[in-house]
Amino acid sequence: MTRASHTAAPAVPSPCVSVCQMDEATGWCRGCARTIDEIAAWGTLDDDAKRAVWARLPRRHEELKRRALPPHGEGAA
């Protein structure tokens, strides 16, 4: 009798990059772009929910980068 091989999918990693500062305007962490609720719940979320959070992060990172740029024309020497 042979045993079926079950390869579990790897766990969904945390997006944390150890830059834990919340952006007051957006409510997102400036490091990982998650909300405080997403950060707090991460350990209890199932993999599908974690992937859903990951799917939202690229747009949030772009928004955080856009907000960090000085207004056009300022800061130019």
C-alpha atoms as a PDB file:
ATOM      1  CA  MET A   1       0.000   0.000   0.000  1.00  0.00           C
ATOM      2  CA  THR A   2       1.397   3.372  -0.966  1.00  0.00           C
ATOM      3  CA  ARG A   3       0.687   6.533   0.841  1.00  0.00           C
ATOM      4  CA  ALA A   4      -0.561   9.495  -1.182  1.00  0.00           C
ATOM      5  CA  SER A   5       1.838  12.372  -0.921  1.00  0.00           C
ATOM      6  CA  HIS A   6       0.229  15.496   0.389  1.00  0.00           C
ATOM      7  CA  THR A   7       2.238  18.593  -0.129  1.00  0.00           C
ATOM      8  CA  ALA A   8       0.754  21.424   1.789  1.00  0.00           C
ATOM      9  CA  ALA A   9       0.944  24.830   0.205  1.00  0.00           C
ATOM     10  CA  PRO A  10       3.480  27.013   1.978  1.00  0.00           C
ATOM     11  CA  ALA A  11       2.060  29.341   4.571  1.00  0.00           C
ATOM     12  CA  VAL A  12       1.236  32.838   3.343  1.00  0.00           C
ATOM     13  CA  PRO A  13       4.028  35.055   4.709  1.00  0.00           C
ATOM     14  CA  SER A  14       3.418  38.232   6.618  1.00  0.00           C
ATOM     15  CA  PRO A  15       4.016  41.410   4.613  1.00  0.00           C
ATOM     16  CA  CYS A  16       5.635  43.028   7.670  1.00  0.00           C
ATOM     17  CA  VAL A  17       8.961  44.730   6.893  1.00  0.00           C
ATOM     18  CA  SER A  18       9.588  45.972  10.460  1.00  0.00           C
ATOM     19  CA  VAL A  19       8.755  49.586   9.635  1.00  0.00           C
ATOM     20  CA  CYS A  20       5.784  49.939  11.937  1.00  0.00           C
ATOM     21  CA  GLN A  21       4.506  53.486  11.524  1.00  0.00           C
ATOM     22  CA  MET A  22       0.877  54.230  10.790  1.00  0.00           C
ATOM     23  CA  ASP A  23       0.052  56.873   8.204  1.00  0.00           C
ATOM     24  CA  GLU A  24      -2.674  59.000   9.782  1.00  0.00           C
ATOM     25  CA  ALA A  25      -4.153  60.126   6.469  1.00  0.00           C
ATOM     26  CA  THR A  26      -4.676  56.621   5.072  1.00  0.00           C
ATOM     27  CA  GLY A  27      -4.745  54.444   8.186  1.00  0.00           C
ATOM     28  CA  TRP A  28      -2.129  52.158   6.597  1.00  0.00           C
ATOM     29  CA  CYS A  29       1.235  51.114   7.959  1.00  0.00           C
ATOM     30  CA  ARG A  30       3.983  52.961   6.086  1.00  0.00           C
ATOM     31  CA  GLY A  31       6.030  49.758   5.959  1.00  0.00           C
ATOM     32  CA  CYS A  32       3.605  47.019   4.954  1.00  0.00           C
ATOM     33  CA  ALA A  33       0.546  49.088   3.928  1.00  0.00           C
ATOM     34  CA  ARG A  34      -1.866  47.070   6.075  1.00  0.00           C
ATOM     35  CA  THR A  35      -4.514  48.585   8.311  1.00  0.00           C
ATOM     36  CA  ILE A  36      -4.205  48.169  12.061  1.00  0.00           C
ATOM     37  CA  ASP A  37      -7.120  45.712  11.923  1.00  0.00           C
ATOM     38  CA  GLU A  38      -5.359  43.631   9.251  1.00  0.00           C
ATOM     39  CA  ILE A  39      -2.152  43.635  11.299  1.00  0.00           C
ATOM     40  CA  ALA A  40      -3.963  42.630  14.490  1.00  0.00           C
ATOM     41  CA  ALA A  41      -5.929  39.852  12.779  1.00  0.00           C
ATOM     42  CA  TRP A  42      -3.076  38.440  10.675  1.00  0.00           C
ATOM     43  CA  GLY A  43      -2.357  35.488  12.974  1.00  0.00           C
ATOM     44  CA  THR A  44      -5.982  34.349  12.900  1.00  0.00           C
ATOM     45  CA  LEU A  45      -6.700  34.884   9.181  1.00  0.00           C
ATOM     46  CA  ASP A  46      -6.897  31.849   6.921  1.00  0.00           C
ATOM     47  CA  ASP A  47      -4.650  31.719   3.859  1.00  0.00           C
ATOM     48  CA  ASP A  48      -7.365  32.973   1.486  1.00  0.00           C
ATOM     49  CA  ALA A  49      -7.934  36.038   3.666  1.00  0.00           C
ATOM     50  CA  LYS A  50      -4.179  36.651   3.878  1.00  0.00           C
ATOM     51  CA  ARG A  51      -3.909  36.457   0.082  1.00  0.00           C
ATOM     52  CA  ALA A  52      -6.779  38.956  -0.182  1.00  0.00           C
ATOM     53  CA  VAL A  53      -4.830  41.377   2.037  1.00  0.00           C
ATOM     54  CA  TRP A  54      -1.708  40.857  -0.096  1.00  0.00           C
ATOM     55  CA  ALA A  55      -3.760  41.659  -3.210  1.00  0.00           C
ATOM     56  CA  ARG A  56      -4.642  45.108  -1.801  1.00  0.00           C
ATOM     57  CA  LEU A  57      -1.093  46.069  -0.889  1.00  0.00           C
ATOM     58  CA  PRO A  58       0.444  47.099  -4.248  1.00  0.00           C
ATOM     59  CA  ARG A  59      -2.138  49.858  -4.765  1.00  0.00           C
ATOM     60  CA  ARG A  60      -1.678  51.027  -1.188  1.00  0.00           C
ATOM     61  CA  HIS A  61       2.114  51.109  -1.521  1.00  0.00           C
ATOM     62  CA  GLU A  62       1.763  53.231  -4.655  1.00  0.00           C
ATOM     63  CA  GLU A  63      -0.554  55.620  -2.816  1.00  0.00           C
ATOM     64  CA  LEU A  64       1.859  55.858   0.123  1.00  0.00           C
ATOM     65  CA  LYS A  65       4.745  56.615  -2.277  1.00  0.00           C
ATOM     66  CA  ARG A  66       2.664  59.260  -4.040  1.00  0.00           C
ATOM     67  CA  ARG A  67       1.806  60.916  -0.730  1.00  0.00           C
ATOM     68  CA  ALA A  68       5.481  60.964   0.300  1.00  0.00           C
ATOM     69  CA  LEU A  69       6.561  63.004  -2.737  1.00  0.00           C
ATOM     70  CA  PRO A  70       6.784  66.774  -2.294  1.00  0.00           C
ATOM     71  CA  PRO A  71       4.228  68.759  -4.302  1.00  0.00           C
ATOM     72  CA  HIS A  72       5.361  69.466  -7.889  1.00  0.00           C
ATOM     73  CA  GLY A  73       7.931  72.231  -8.023  1.00  0.00           C
ATOM     74  CA  GLU A  74       8.836  72.157  -4.327  1.00  0.00           C
ATOM     75  CA  GLY A  75      12.235  70.946  -3.276  1.00  0.00           C
ATOM     76  CA  ALA A  76      13.780  71.521  -6.696  1.00  0.00           C
ATOM     77  CA  ALA A  77      17.098  73.359  -6.607  1.00  0.00           C
END
